Amino acid sequence: MGEPLHDLVSGNRGKRTNMIWAWNCGLGLVATKTYTGITINCEVFLEWILQNLTPFLKAGAKLLFLPPYSPDLNPIEHAWANLKHKIRQLENFFMSMSLKIFTAILQLNFNRNQSNQN
């Protein structure tokens, strides 16, 4: 964990790609949204909550509070590390960063579903 992700073009030369997602203990990555060329601010985040996250919330959903910063205890930090690893595996394929991210998420969720069935 904690290793930067590099692509064919550095973040300083092109538009930055930002992601917001949630972690569901049963489903894995949910409510994924990619933003290119914009900064994630309060307005964008609230829009994501209403449009993307709300459909995944069920009655009785619990919000878990974690210590101020504990990457080893935070499941989404492990998901980020796995996503970056999958994206690095795609670095020799000529596709946009958004497509690499989408492909990596599909692979992670597929692998998660396969391991849950065994």
PDB file of N, CA and C in Angstrom:
ATOM      1  N   MET A   1       0.839  -1.186   0.000  1.00  0.00           N
ATOM      2  CA  MET A   1       0.000   0.000   0.000  1.00  0.00           C
ATOM      3  C   MET A   1       0.877   1.240   0.000  1.00  0.00           C
ATOM      4  N   GLY A   2       0.290   2.343  -0.431  1.00  0.00           N
ATOM      5  CA  GLY A   2       0.988   3.607  -0.372  1.00  0.00           C
ATOM      6  C   GLY A   2       1.890   3.885  -1.549  1.00  0.00           C
ATOM      7  N   GLU A   3       1.876   3.039  -2.573  1.00  0.00           N
ATOM      8  CA  GLU A   3       2.741   3.228  -3.731  1.00  0.00           C
ATOM      9  C   GLU A   3       1.998   4.033  -4.794  1.00  0.00           C
ATOM     10  N   PRO A   4       2.637   5.096  -5.379  1.00  0.00           N
ATOM     11  CA  PRO A   4       1.943   5.882  -6.388  1.00  0.00           C
ATOM     12  C   PRO A   4       1.659   5.063  -7.644  1.00  0.00           C
ATOM     13  N   LEU A   5       0.608   5.425  -8.339  1.00  0.00           N
ATOM     14  CA  LEU A   5       0.238   4.771  -9.583  1.00  0.00           C
ATOM     15  C   LEU A   5       0.631   5.670 -10.740  1.00  0.00           C
ATOM     16  N   HIS A   6       1.397   5.147 -11.685  1.00  0.00           N
ATOM     17  CA  HIS A   6       1.846   5.929 -12.835  1.00  0.00           C
ATOM     18  C   HIS A   6       1.213   5.364 -14.089  1.00  0.00           C
ATOM     19  N   ASP A   7       0.905   6.255 -15.030  1.00  0.00           N
ATOM     20  CA  ASP A   7       0.343   5.844 -16.311  1.00  0.00           C
ATOM     21  C   ASP A   7       1.228   6.414 -17.401  1.00  0.00           C
ATOM     22  N   LEU A   8       0.828   6.241 -18.652  1.00  0.00           N
ATOM     23  CA  LEU A   8       1.632   6.711 -19.774  1.00  0.00           C
ATOM     24  C   LEU A   8       1.840   8.219 -19.733  1.00  0.00           C
ATOM     25  N   VAL A   9       0.883   8.955 -19.197  1.00  0.00           N
ATOM     26  CA  VAL A   9       0.984  10.408 -19.091  1.00  0.00           C
ATOM     27  C   VAL A   9       0.889  10.765 -17.621  1.00  0.00           C
ATOM     28  N   SER A  10       1.819  11.581 -17.148  1.00  0.00           N
ATOM     29  CA  SER A  10       1.766  11.950 -15.728  1.00  0.00           C
ATOM     30  C   SER A  10       0.548  12.818 -15.471  1.00  0.00           C
ATOM     31  N   GLY A  11       0.105  12.852 -14.215  1.00  0.00           N
ATOM     32  CA  GLY A  11      -1.069  13.635 -13.851  1.00  0.00           C
ATOM     33  C   GLY A  11      -0.903  15.116 -14.121  1.00  0.00           C
ATOM     34  N   ASN A  12       0.348  15.601 -14.240  1.00  0.00           N
ATOM     35  CA  ASN A  12       0.575  17.018 -14.457  1.00  0.00           C
ATOM     36  C   ASN A  12       0.394  17.432 -15.914  1.00  0.00           C
ATOM     37  N   ARG A  13       0.388  16.490 -16.832  1.00  0.00           N
ATOM     38  CA  ARG A  13       0.306  16.830 -18.254  1.00  0.00           C
ATOM     39  C   ARG A  13      -1.092  16.676 -18.830  1.00  0.00           C
ATOM     40  N   GLY A  14      -1.913  15.931 -18.162  1.00  0.00           N
ATOM     41  CA  GLY A  14      -3.246  15.683 -18.683  1.00  0.00           C
ATOM     42  C   GLY A  14      -4.285  15.968 -17.626  1.00  0.00           C
ATOM     43  N   LYS A  15      -5.506  15.649 -17.948  1.00  0.00           N
ATOM     44  CA  LYS A  15      -6.579  15.841 -16.976  1.00  0.00           C
ATOM     45  C   LYS A  15      -6.486  14.755 -15.912  1.00  0.00           C
ATOM     46  N   ARG A  16      -6.681  15.159 -14.682  1.00  0.00           N
ATOM     47  CA  ARG A  16      -6.630  14.223 -13.557  1.00  0.00           C
ATOM     48  C   ARG A  16      -7.926  13.430 -13.490  1.00  0.00           C
ATOM     49  N   THR A  17      -7.807  12.157 -13.181  1.00  0.00           N
ATOM     50  CA  THR A  17      -8.968  11.300 -13.001  1.00  0.00           C
ATOM     51  C   THR A  17      -9.130  11.027 -11.516  1.00  0.00           C
ATOM     52  N   ASN A  18     -10.311  11.342 -10.983  1.00  0.00           N
ATOM     53  CA  ASN A  18     -10.638  11.099  -9.575  1.00  0.00           C
ATOM     54  C   ASN A  18     -11.758  10.083  -9.498  1.00  0.00           C
ATOM     55  N   MET A  19     -11.766   9.316  -8.427  1.00  0.00           N
ATOM     56  CA  MET A  19     -12.813   8.318  -8.223  1.00  0.00           C
ATOM     57  C   MET A  19     -13.405   8.455  -6.830  1.00  0.00           C
ATOM     58  N   ILE A  20     -14.688   8.162  -6.756  1.00  0.00           N
ATOM     59  CA  ILE A  20     -15.350   8.001  -5.463  1.00  0.00           C
ATOM     60  C   ILE A  20     -16.024   6.636  -5.517  1.00  0.00           C
ATOM     61  N   TRP A  21     -15.938   5.912  -4.422  1.00  0.00           N
ATOM     62  CA  TRP A  21     -16.619   4.625  -4.350  1.00  0.00           C
ATOM     63  C   TRP A  21     -16.914   4.298  -2.898  1.00  0.00           C
ATOM     64  N   ALA A  22     -17.692   3.276  -2.714  1.00  0.00           N
ATOM     65  CA  ALA A  22     -18.005   2.815  -1.364  1.00  0.00           C
ATOM     66  C   ALA A  22     -17.650   1.337  -1.281  1.00  0.00           C
ATOM     67  N   TRP A  23     -17.447   0.876  -0.079  1.00  0.00           N
ATOM     68  CA  TRP A  23     -17.134  -0.532   0.158  1.00  0.00           C
ATOM     69  C   TRP A  23     -18.297  -1.162   0.905  1.00  0.00           C
ATOM     70  N   ASN A  24     -18.861  -2.210   0.320  1.00  0.00           N
ATOM     71  CA  ASN A  24     -19.932  -2.969   0.947  1.00  0.00           C
ATOM     72  C   ASN A  24     -19.352  -4.324   1.311  1.00  0.00           C
ATOM     73  N   CYS A  25     -19.431  -4.701   2.578  1.00  0.00           N
ATOM     74  CA  CYS A  25     -18.807  -5.951   3.023  1.00  0.00           C
ATOM     75  C   CYS A  25     -19.326  -7.169   2.268  1.00  0.00           C
ATOM     76  N   GLY A  26     -20.549  -7.129   1.785  1.00  0.00           N
ATOM     77  CA  GLY A  26     -21.097  -8.257   1.034  1.00  0.00           C
ATOM     78  C   GLY A  26     -20.851  -8.181  -0.456  1.00  0.00           C
ATOM     79  N   LEU A  27     -20.816  -6.974  -1.003  1.00  0.00           N
ATOM     80  CA  LEU A  27     -20.713  -6.803  -2.458  1.00  0.00           C
ATOM     81  C   LEU A  27     -19.348  -6.347  -2.939  1.00  0.00           C
ATOM     82  N   GLY A  28     -18.525  -5.809  -2.058  1.00  0.00           N
ATOM     83  CA  GLY A  28     -17.237  -5.256  -2.492  1.00  0.00           C
ATOM     84  C   GLY A  28     -17.418  -3.805  -2.897  1.00  0.00           C
ATOM     85  N   LEU A  29     -16.794  -3.413  -4.013  1.00  0.00           N
ATOM     86  CA  LEU A  29     -16.869  -2.032  -4.489  1.00  0.00           C
ATOM     87  C   LEU A  29     -18.253  -1.750  -5.050  1.00  0.00           C
ATOM     88  N   VAL A  30     -18.863  -0.686  -4.579  1.00  0.00           N
ATOM     89  CA  VAL A  30     -20.174  -0.286  -5.080  1.00  0.00           C
ATOM     90  C   VAL A  30     -20.181   1.222  -5.298  1.00  0.00           C
ATOM     91  N   ALA A  31     -21.146   1.672  -6.044  1.00  0.00           N
ATOM     92  CA  ALA A  31     -21.379   3.096  -6.272  1.00  0.00           C
ATOM     93  C   ALA A  31     -20.139   3.792  -6.831  1.00  0.00           C
ATOM     94  N   THR A  32     -19.427   3.107  -7.713  1.00  0.00           N
ATOM     95  CA  THR A  32     -18.214   3.697  -8.269  1.00  0.00           C
ATOM     96  C   THR A  32     -18.567   4.808  -9.248  1.00  0.00           C
ATOM     97  N   LYS A  33     -17.818   5.877  -9.188  1.00  0.00           N
ATOM     98  CA  LYS A  33     -18.007   7.012 -10.087  1.00  0.00           C
ATOM     99  C   LYS A  33     -16.640   7.601 -10.381  1.00  0.00           C
ATOM    100  N   THR A  34     -16.355   7.814 -11.666  1.00  0.00           N
ATOM    101  CA  THR A  34     -15.093   8.392 -12.103  1.00  0.00           C
ATOM    102  C   THR A  34     -15.340   9.791 -12.622  1.00  0.00           C
ATOM    103  N   TYR A  35     -14.502  10.721 -12.213  1.00  0.00           N
ATOM    104  CA  TYR A  35     -14.585  12.110 -12.654  1.00  0.00           C
ATOM    105  C   TYR A  35     -13.257  12.476 -13.306  1.00  0.00           C
ATOM    106  N   THR A  36     -13.315  13.041 -14.489  1.00  0.00           N
ATOM    107  CA  THR A  36     -12.093  13.449 -15.181  1.00  0.00           C
ATOM    108  C   THR A  36     -12.109  14.961 -15.345  1.00  0.00           C
ATOM    109  N   GLY A  37     -11.029  15.588 -14.901  1.00  0.00           N
ATOM    110  CA  GLY A  37     -10.862  17.017 -15.103  1.00  0.00           C
ATOM    111  C   GLY A  37     -11.606  17.903 -14.121  1.00  0.00           C
ATOM    112  N   ILE A  38     -12.199  17.329 -13.068  1.00  0.00           N
ATOM    113  CA  ILE A  38     -12.849  18.163 -12.064  1.00  0.00           C
ATOM    114  C   ILE A  38     -12.341  17.785 -10.683  1.00  0.00           C
ATOM    115  N   THR A  39     -12.446  18.716  -9.786  1.00  0.00           N
ATOM    116  CA  THR A  39     -12.053  18.483  -8.404  1.00  0.00           C
ATOM    117  C   THR A  39     -13.262  17.986  -7.618  1.00  0.00           C
ATOM    118  N   ILE A  40     -13.023  17.022  -6.751  1.00  0.00           N
ATOM    119  CA  ILE A  40     -14.105  16.511  -5.915  1.00  0.00           C
ATOM    120  C   ILE A  40     -14.276  17.482  -4.747  1.00  0.00           C
ATOM    121  N   ASN A  41     -15.379  18.210  -4.749  1.00  0.00           N
ATOM    122  CA  ASN A  41     -15.674  19.131  -3.665  1.00  0.00           C
ATOM    123  C   ASN A  41     -16.955  18.672  -2.975  1.00  0.00           C
ATOM    124  N   CYS A  42     -17.436  19.443  -2.038  1.00  0.00           N
ATOM    125  CA  CYS A  42     -18.619  19.055  -1.265  1.00  0.00           C
ATOM    126  C   CYS A  42     -19.828  18.851  -2.173  1.00  0.00           C
ATOM    127  N   GLU A  43     -20.027  19.739  -3.130  1.00  0.00           N
ATOM    128  CA  GLU A  43     -21.180  19.640  -4.033  1.00  0.00           C
ATOM    129  C   GLU A  43     -21.135  18.351  -4.851  1.00  0.00           C
ATOM    130  N   VAL A  44     -19.962  18.024  -5.397  1.00  0.00           N
ATOM    131  CA  VAL A  44     -19.804  16.800  -6.196  1.00  0.00           C
ATOM    132  C   VAL A  44     -20.005  15.573  -5.310  1.00  0.00           C
ATOM    133  N   PHE A  45     -19.459  15.612  -4.096  1.00  0.00           N
ATOM    134  CA  PHE A  45     -19.581  14.474  -3.187  1.00  0.00           C
ATOM    135  C   PHE A  45     -21.038  14.236  -2.787  1.00  0.00           C
ATOM    136  N   LEU A  46     -21.766  15.303  -2.466  1.00  0.00           N
ATOM    137  CA  LEU A  46     -23.181  15.157  -2.103  1.00  0.00           C
ATOM    138  C   LEU A  46     -23.994  14.631  -3.289  1.00  0.00           C
ATOM    139  N   GLU A  47     -23.674  15.075  -4.497  1.00  0.00           N
ATOM    140  CA  GLU A  47     -24.341  14.556  -5.693  1.00  0.00           C
ATOM    141  C   GLU A  47     -24.089  13.057  -5.829  1.00  0.00           C
ATOM    142  N   TRP A  48     -22.832  12.624  -5.561  1.00  0.00           N
ATOM    143  CA  TRP A  48     -22.491  11.195  -5.624  1.00  0.00           C
ATOM    144  C   TRP A  48     -23.304  10.402  -4.599  1.00  0.00           C
ATOM    145  N   ILE A  49     -23.414  10.949  -3.387  1.00  0.00           N
ATOM    146  CA  ILE A  49     -24.190  10.256  -2.354  1.00  0.00           C
ATOM    147  C   ILE A  49     -25.627  10.050  -2.821  1.00  0.00           C
ATOM    148  N   LEU A  50     -26.246  11.113  -3.316  1.00  0.00           N
ATOM    149  CA  LEU A  50     -27.661  11.042  -3.709  1.00  0.00           C
ATOM    150  C   LEU A  50     -27.877  10.150  -4.933  1.00  0.00           C
ATOM    151  N   GLN A  51     -27.013  10.269  -5.947  1.00  0.00           N
ATOM    152  CA  GLN A  51     -27.241   9.554  -7.204  1.00  0.00           C
ATOM    153  C   GLN A  51     -26.641   8.155  -7.240  1.00  0.00           C
ATOM    154  N   ASN A  52     -25.516   7.951  -6.565  1.00  0.00           N
ATOM    155  CA  ASN A  52     -24.800   6.687  -6.696  1.00  0.00           C
ATOM    156  C   ASN A  52     -24.847   5.804  -5.458  1.00  0.00           C
ATOM    157  N   LEU A  53     -24.685   6.401  -4.285  1.00  0.00           N
ATOM    158  CA  LEU A  53     -24.599   5.597  -3.066  1.00  0.00           C
ATOM    159  C   LEU A  53     -25.973   5.212  -2.523  1.00  0.00           C
ATOM    160  N   THR A  54     -26.926   6.123  -2.539  1.00  0.00           N
ATOM    161  CA  THR A  54     -28.242   5.888  -1.958  1.00  0.00           C
ATOM    162  C   THR A  54     -28.901   4.592  -2.426  1.00  0.00           C
ATOM    163  N   PRO A  55     -28.833   4.230  -3.730  1.00  0.00           N
ATOM    164  CA  PRO A  55     -29.475   2.975  -4.142  1.00  0.00           C
ATOM    165  C   PRO A  55     -28.892   1.722  -3.463  1.00  0.00           C
ATOM    166  N   PHE A  56     -27.670   1.797  -2.957  1.00  0.00           N
ATOM    167  CA  PHE A  56     -27.048   0.635  -2.314  1.00  0.00           C
ATOM    168  C   PHE A  56     -27.351   0.552  -0.823  1.00  0.00           C
ATOM    169  N   LEU A  57     -27.895   1.617  -0.263  1.00  0.00           N
ATOM    170  CA  LEU A  57     -28.197   1.621   1.163  1.00  0.00           C
ATOM    171  C   LEU A  57     -29.529   0.930   1.403  1.00  0.00           C
ATOM    172  N   LYS A  58     -29.573   0.107   2.404  1.00  0.00           N
ATOM    173  CA  LYS A  58     -30.794  -0.603   2.771  1.00  0.00           C
ATOM    174  C   LYS A  58     -31.254  -0.099   4.128  1.00  0.00           C
ATOM    175  N   ALA A  59     -32.516  -0.324   4.422  1.00  0.00           N
ATOM    176  CA  ALA A  59     -33.018   0.036   5.744  1.00  0.00           C
ATOM    177  C   ALA A  59     -32.192  -0.702   6.784  1.00  0.00           C
ATOM    178  N   GLY A  60     -31.769   0.011   7.782  1.00  0.00           N
ATOM    179  CA  GLY A  60     -30.966  -0.608   8.829  1.00  0.00           C
ATOM    180  C   GLY A  60     -29.478  -0.613   8.531  1.00  0.00           C
ATOM    181  N   ALA A  61     -29.059   0.054   7.439  1.00  0.00           N
ATOM    182  CA  ALA A  61     -27.628   0.120   7.132  1.00  0.00           C
ATOM    183  C   ALA A  61     -26.899   0.818   8.278  1.00  0.00           C
ATOM    184  N   LYS A  62     -25.698   0.351   8.569  1.00  0.00           N
ATOM    185  CA  LYS A  62     -24.925   0.918   9.661  1.00  0.00           C
ATOM    186  C   LYS A  62     -23.733   1.676   9.117  1.00  0.00           C
ATOM    187  N   LEU A  63     -23.436   2.791   9.724  1.00  0.00           N
ATOM    188  CA  LEU A  63     -22.247   3.562   9.415  1.00  0.00           C
ATOM    189  C   LEU A  63     -21.197   3.180  10.441  1.00  0.00           C
ATOM    190  N   LEU A  64     -20.061   2.682   9.967  1.00  0.00           N
ATOM    191  CA  LEU A  64     -18.991   2.261  10.867  1.00  0.00           C
ATOM    192  C   LEU A  64     -17.960   3.367  10.966  1.00  0.00           C
ATOM    193  N   PHE A  65     -17.666   3.787  12.171  1.00  0.00           N
ATOM    194  CA  PHE A  65     -16.654   4.803  12.382  1.00  0.00           C
ATOM    195  C   PHE A  65     -15.322   4.111  12.663  1.00  0.00           C
ATOM    196  N   LEU A  66     -14.300   4.551  11.969  1.00  0.00           N
ATOM    197  CA  LEU A  66     -12.965   4.000  12.133  1.00  0.00           C
ATOM    198  C   LEU A  66     -12.100   5.006  12.879  1.00  0.00           C
ATOM    199  N   PRO A  67     -10.988   4.559  13.434  1.00  0.00           N
ATOM    200  CA  PRO A  67     -10.064   5.516  14.045  1.00  0.00           C
ATOM    201  C   PRO A  67      -9.648   6.568  13.009  1.00  0.00           C
ATOM    202  N   PRO A  68      -9.107   7.720  13.447  1.00  0.00           N
ATOM    203  CA  PRO A  68      -8.802   8.805  12.523  1.00  0.00           C
ATOM    204  C   PRO A  68      -8.062   8.359  11.252  1.00  0.00           C
ATOM    205  N   TYR A  69      -7.050   7.551  11.364  1.00  0.00           N
ATOM    206  CA  TYR A  69      -6.402   7.016  10.173  1.00  0.00           C
ATOM    207  C   TYR A  69      -5.769   5.695  10.540  1.00  0.00           C
ATOM    208  N   SER A  70      -6.335   4.650  10.040  1.00  0.00           N
ATOM    209  CA  SER A  70      -5.820   3.317  10.314  1.00  0.00           C
ATOM    210  C   SER A  70      -5.924   2.486   9.031  1.00  0.00           C
ATOM    211  N   PRO A  71      -5.019   2.685   8.072  1.00  0.00           N
ATOM    212  CA  PRO A  71      -5.137   1.986   6.792  1.00  0.00           C
ATOM    213  C   PRO A  71      -5.165   0.470   6.922  1.00  0.00           C
ATOM    214  N   ASP A  72      -4.494  -0.078   7.922  1.00  0.00           N
ATOM    215  CA  ASP A  72      -4.486  -1.530   8.071  1.00  0.00           C
ATOM    216  C   ASP A  72      -5.843  -2.066   8.524  1.00  0.00           C
ATOM    217  N   LEU A  73      -6.651  -1.221   9.175  1.00  0.00           N
ATOM    218  CA  LEU A  73      -7.964  -1.653   9.648  1.00  0.00           C
ATOM    219  C   LEU A  73      -9.088  -1.246   8.707  1.00  0.00           C
ATOM    220  N   ASN A  74      -8.775  -0.460   7.702  1.00  0.00           N
ATOM    221  CA  ASN A  74      -9.793   0.083   6.809  1.00  0.00           C
ATOM    222  C   ASN A  74      -9.872  -0.761   5.534  1.00  0.00           C
ATOM    223  N   PRO A  75     -10.963  -1.494   5.322  1.00  0.00           N
ATOM    224  CA  PRO A  75     -11.055  -2.381   4.157  1.00  0.00           C
ATOM    225  C   PRO A  75     -10.930  -1.658   2.824  1.00  0.00           C
ATOM    226  N   ILE A  76     -11.342  -0.389   2.758  1.00  0.00           N
ATOM    227  CA  ILE A  76     -11.271   0.298   1.473  1.00  0.00           C
ATOM    228  C   ILE A  76      -9.817   0.580   1.085  1.00  0.00           C
ATOM    229  N   GLU A  77      -8.917   0.720   2.063  1.00  0.00           N
ATOM    230  CA  GLU A  77      -7.496   0.904   1.746  1.00  0.00           C
ATOM    231  C   GLU A  77      -6.938  -0.330   1.043  1.00  0.00           C
ATOM    232  N   HIS A  78      -7.379  -1.501   1.476  1.00  0.00           N
ATOM    233  CA  HIS A  78      -6.952  -2.736   0.820  1.00  0.00           C
ATOM    234  C   HIS A  78      -7.548  -2.823  -0.577  1.00  0.00           C
ATOM    235  N   ALA A  79      -8.784  -2.353  -0.726  1.00  0.00           N
ATOM    236  CA  ALA A  79      -9.415  -2.343  -2.050  1.00  0.00           C
ATOM    237  C   ALA A  79      -8.666  -1.399  -2.992  1.00  0.00           C
ATOM    238  N   TRP A  80      -8.260  -0.219  -2.488  1.00  0.00           N
ATOM    239  CA  TRP A  80      -7.471   0.714  -3.312  1.00  0.00           C
ATOM    240  C   TRP A  80      -6.163   0.051  -3.753  1.00  0.00           C
ATOM    241  N   ALA A  81      -5.495  -0.607  -2.829  1.00  0.00           N
ATOM    242  CA  ALA A  81      -4.221  -1.260  -3.169  1.00  0.00           C
ATOM    243  C   ALA A  81      -4.443  -2.321  -4.246  1.00  0.00           C
ATOM    244  N   ASN A  82      -5.506  -3.114  -4.113  1.00  0.00           N
ATOM    245  CA  ASN A  82      -5.795  -4.136  -5.122  1.00  0.00           C
ATOM    246  C   ASN A  82      -6.149  -3.514  -6.467  1.00  0.00           C
ATOM    247  N   LEU A  83      -6.909  -2.408  -6.444  1.00  0.00           N
ATOM    248  CA  LEU A  83      -7.274  -1.735  -7.689  1.00  0.00           C
ATOM    249  C   LEU A  83      -6.034  -1.198  -8.393  1.00  0.00           C
ATOM    250  N   LYS A  84      -5.143  -0.543  -7.648  1.00  0.00           N
ATOM    251  CA  LYS A  84      -3.902  -0.024  -8.249  1.00  0.00           C
ATOM    252  C   LYS A  84      -3.076  -1.154  -8.847  1.00  0.00           C
ATOM    253  N   HIS A  85      -3.026  -2.287  -8.160  1.00  0.00           N
ATOM    254  CA  HIS A  85      -2.286  -3.445  -8.668  1.00  0.00           C
ATOM    255  C   HIS A  85      -2.866  -3.912 -10.006  1.00  0.00           C
ATOM    256  N   LYS A  86      -4.202  -4.017 -10.082  1.00  0.00           N
ATOM    257  CA  LYS A  86      -4.853  -4.438 -11.330  1.00  0.00           C
ATOM    258  C   LYS A  86      -4.594  -3.433 -12.451  1.00  0.00           C
ATOM    259  N   ILE A  87      -4.629  -2.139 -12.132  1.00  0.00           N
ATOM    260  CA  ILE A  87      -4.382  -1.113 -13.148  1.00  0.00           C
ATOM    261  C   ILE A  87      -2.946  -1.210 -13.650  1.00  0.00           C
ATOM    262  N   ARG A  88      -2.003  -1.450 -12.741  1.00  0.00           N
ATOM    263  CA  ARG A  88      -0.601  -1.607 -13.163  1.00  0.00           C
ATOM    264  C   ARG A  88      -0.438  -2.791 -14.119  1.00  0.00           C
ATOM    265  N   GLN A  89      -1.232  -3.850 -13.911  1.00  0.00           N
ATOM    266  CA  GLN A  89      -1.165  -5.004 -14.807  1.00  0.00           C
ATOM    267  C   GLN A  89      -1.647  -4.638 -16.217  1.00  0.00           C
ATOM    268  N   LEU A  90      -2.425  -3.578 -16.341  1.00  0.00           N
ATOM    269  CA  LEU A  90      -2.963  -3.150 -17.630  1.00  0.00           C
ATOM    270  C   LEU A  90      -2.133  -2.048 -18.280  1.00  0.00           C
ATOM    271  N   GLU A  91      -0.987  -1.682 -17.686  1.00  0.00           N
ATOM    272  CA  GLU A  91      -0.248  -0.520 -18.176  1.00  0.00           C
ATOM    273  C   GLU A  91       0.275  -0.678 -19.605  1.00  0.00           C
ATOM    274  N   ASN A  92       0.461  -1.887 -20.091  1.00  0.00           N
ATOM    275  CA  ASN A  92       0.946  -2.079 -21.451  1.00  0.00           C
ATOM    276  C   ASN A  92      -0.171  -2.099 -22.488  1.00  0.00           C
ATOM    277  N   PHE A  93      -1.407  -2.010 -22.026  1.00  0.00           N
ATOM    278  CA  PHE A  93      -2.539  -1.969 -22.939  1.00  0.00           C
ATOM    279  C   PHE A  93      -2.856  -0.507 -23.240  1.00  0.00           C
ATOM    280  N   PHE A  94      -3.049  -0.201 -24.507  1.00  0.00           N
ATOM    281  CA  PHE A  94      -3.331   1.181 -24.902  1.00  0.00           C
ATOM    282  C   PHE A  94      -4.826   1.450 -24.772  1.00  0.00           C
ATOM    283  N   MET A  95      -5.198   1.904 -23.599  1.00  0.00           N
ATOM    284  CA  MET A  95      -6.585   2.278 -23.328  1.00  0.00           C
ATOM    285  C   MET A  95      -6.560   3.456 -22.371  1.00  0.00           C
ATOM    286  N   SER A  96      -7.647   4.164 -22.309  1.00  0.00           N
ATOM    287  CA  SER A  96      -7.717   5.326 -21.419  1.00  0.00           C
ATOM    288  C   SER A  96      -7.642   4.873 -19.965  1.00  0.00           C
ATOM    289  N   MET A  97      -7.258   5.795 -19.108  1.00  0.00           N
ATOM    290  CA  MET A  97      -7.192   5.476 -17.680  1.00  0.00           C
ATOM    291  C   MET A  97      -8.578   5.098 -17.173  1.00  0.00           C
ATOM    292  N   SER A  98      -9.626   5.765 -17.646  1.00  0.00           N
ATOM    293  CA  SER A  98     -10.986   5.433 -17.207  1.00  0.00           C
ATOM    294  C   SER A  98     -11.337   3.998 -17.568  1.00  0.00           C
ATOM    295  N   LEU A  99     -10.949   3.558 -18.766  1.00  0.00           N
ATOM    296  CA  LEU A  99     -11.223   2.180 -19.177  1.00  0.00           C
ATOM    297  C   LEU A  99     -10.393   1.191 -18.363  1.00  0.00           C
ATOM    298  N   LYS A 100      -9.150   1.553 -18.037  1.00  0.00           N
ATOM    299  CA  LYS A 100      -8.326   0.691 -17.181  1.00  0.00           C
ATOM    300  C   LYS A 100      -8.970   0.538 -15.803  1.00  0.00           C
ATOM    301  N   ILE A 101      -9.456   1.647 -15.259  1.00  0.00           N
ATOM    302  CA  ILE A 101     -10.104   1.604 -13.942  1.00  0.00           C
ATOM    303  C   ILE A 101     -11.346   0.722 -13.994  1.00  0.00           C
ATOM    304  N   PHE A 102     -12.177   0.918 -15.016  1.00  0.00           N
ATOM    305  CA  PHE A 102     -13.402   0.135 -15.172  1.00  0.00           C
ATOM    306  C   PHE A 102     -13.071  -1.358 -15.298  1.00  0.00           C
ATOM    307  N   THR A 103     -12.078  -1.686 -16.121  1.00  0.00           N
ATOM    308  CA  THR A 103     -11.670  -3.082 -16.315  1.00  0.00           C
ATOM    309  C   THR A 103     -11.163  -3.678 -15.009  1.00  0.00           C
ATOM    310  N   ALA A 104     -10.355  -2.917 -14.278  1.00  0.00           N
ATOM    311  CA  ALA A 104      -9.809  -3.394 -13.003  1.00  0.00           C
ATOM    312  C   ALA A 104     -10.928  -3.643 -11.988  1.00  0.00           C
ATOM    313  N   ILE A 105     -11.915  -2.755 -11.934  1.00  0.00           N
ATOM    314  CA  ILE A 105     -13.037  -2.938 -11.003  1.00  0.00           C
ATOM    315  C   ILE A 105     -13.811  -4.196 -11.366  1.00  0.00           C
ATOM    316  N   LEU A 106     -14.065  -4.400 -12.658  1.00  0.00           N
ATOM    317  CA  LEU A 106     -14.765  -5.616 -13.077  1.00  0.00           C
ATOM    318  C   LEU A 106     -13.991  -6.862 -12.658  1.00  0.00           C
ATOM    319  N   GLN A 107     -12.670  -6.853 -12.850  1.00  0.00           N
ATOM    320  CA  GLN A 107     -11.846  -8.006 -12.474  1.00  0.00           C
ATOM    321  C   GLN A 107     -11.898  -8.244 -10.966  1.00  0.00           C
ATOM    322  N   LEU A 108     -11.790  -7.174 -10.184  1.00  0.00           N
ATOM    323  CA  LEU A 108     -11.822  -7.321  -8.726  1.00  0.00           C
ATOM    324  C   LEU A 108     -13.160  -7.873  -8.254  1.00  0.00           C
ATOM    325  N   ASN A 109     -14.248  -7.330  -8.772  1.00  0.00           N
ATOM    326  CA  ASN A 109     -15.569  -7.813  -8.344  1.00  0.00           C
ATOM    327  C   ASN A 109     -15.813  -9.239  -8.817  1.00  0.00           C
ATOM    328  N   PHE A 110     -15.334  -9.592 -10.019  1.00  0.00           N
ATOM    329  CA  PHE A 110     -15.473 -10.964 -10.504  1.00  0.00           C
ATOM    330  C   PHE A 110     -14.691 -11.917  -9.612  1.00  0.00           C
ATOM    331  N   ASN A 111     -13.438 -11.564  -9.308  1.00  0.00           N
ATOM    332  CA  ASN A 111     -12.609 -12.415  -8.443  1.00  0.00           C
ATOM    333  C   ASN A 111     -13.232 -12.547  -7.053  1.00  0.00           C
ATOM    334  N   ARG A 112     -13.808 -11.458  -6.547  1.00  0.00           N
ATOM    335  CA  ARG A 112     -14.446 -11.493  -5.225  1.00  0.00           C
ATOM    336  C   ARG A 112     -15.655 -12.424  -5.248  1.00  0.00           C
ATOM    337  N   ASN A 113     -16.462 -12.327  -6.311  1.00  0.00           N
ATOM    338  CA  ASN A 113     -17.638 -13.191  -6.419  1.00  0.00           C
ATOM    339  C   ASN A 113     -17.241 -14.659  -6.565  1.00  0.00           C
ATOM    340  N   GLN A 114     -16.177 -14.919  -7.298  1.00  0.00           N
ATOM    341  CA  GLN A 114     -15.690 -16.298  -7.458  1.00  0.00           C
ATOM    342  C   GLN A 114     -15.248 -16.876  -6.121  1.00  0.00           C
ATOM    343  N   SER A 115     -14.508 -16.070  -5.339  1.00  0.00           N
ATOM    344  CA  SER A 115     -14.005 -16.574  -4.053  1.00  0.00           C
ATOM    345  C   SER A 115     -15.150 -16.746  -3.047  1.00  0.00           C
ATOM    346  N   ASN A 116     -16.208 -15.939  -3.147  1.00  0.00           N
ATOM    347  CA  ASN A 116     -17.355 -16.079  -2.242  1.00  0.00           C
ATOM    348  C   ASN A 116     -18.173 -17.321  -2.551  1.00  0.00           C
ATOM    349  N   GLN A 117     -18.114 -17.812  -3.793  1.00  0.00           N
ATOM    350  CA  GLN A 117     -18.877 -19.008  -4.182  1.00  0.00           C
ATOM    351  C   GLN A 117     -18.185 -20.291  -3.775  1.00  0.00           C
ATOM    352  N   ASN A 118     -16.885 -20.198  -3.505  1.00  0.00           N
ATOM    353  CA  ASN A 118     -16.128 -21.408  -3.124  1.00  0.00           C
ATOM    354  C   ASN A 118     -16.153 -21.638  -1.645  1.00  0.00           C
TER     355      ASN A 118
END
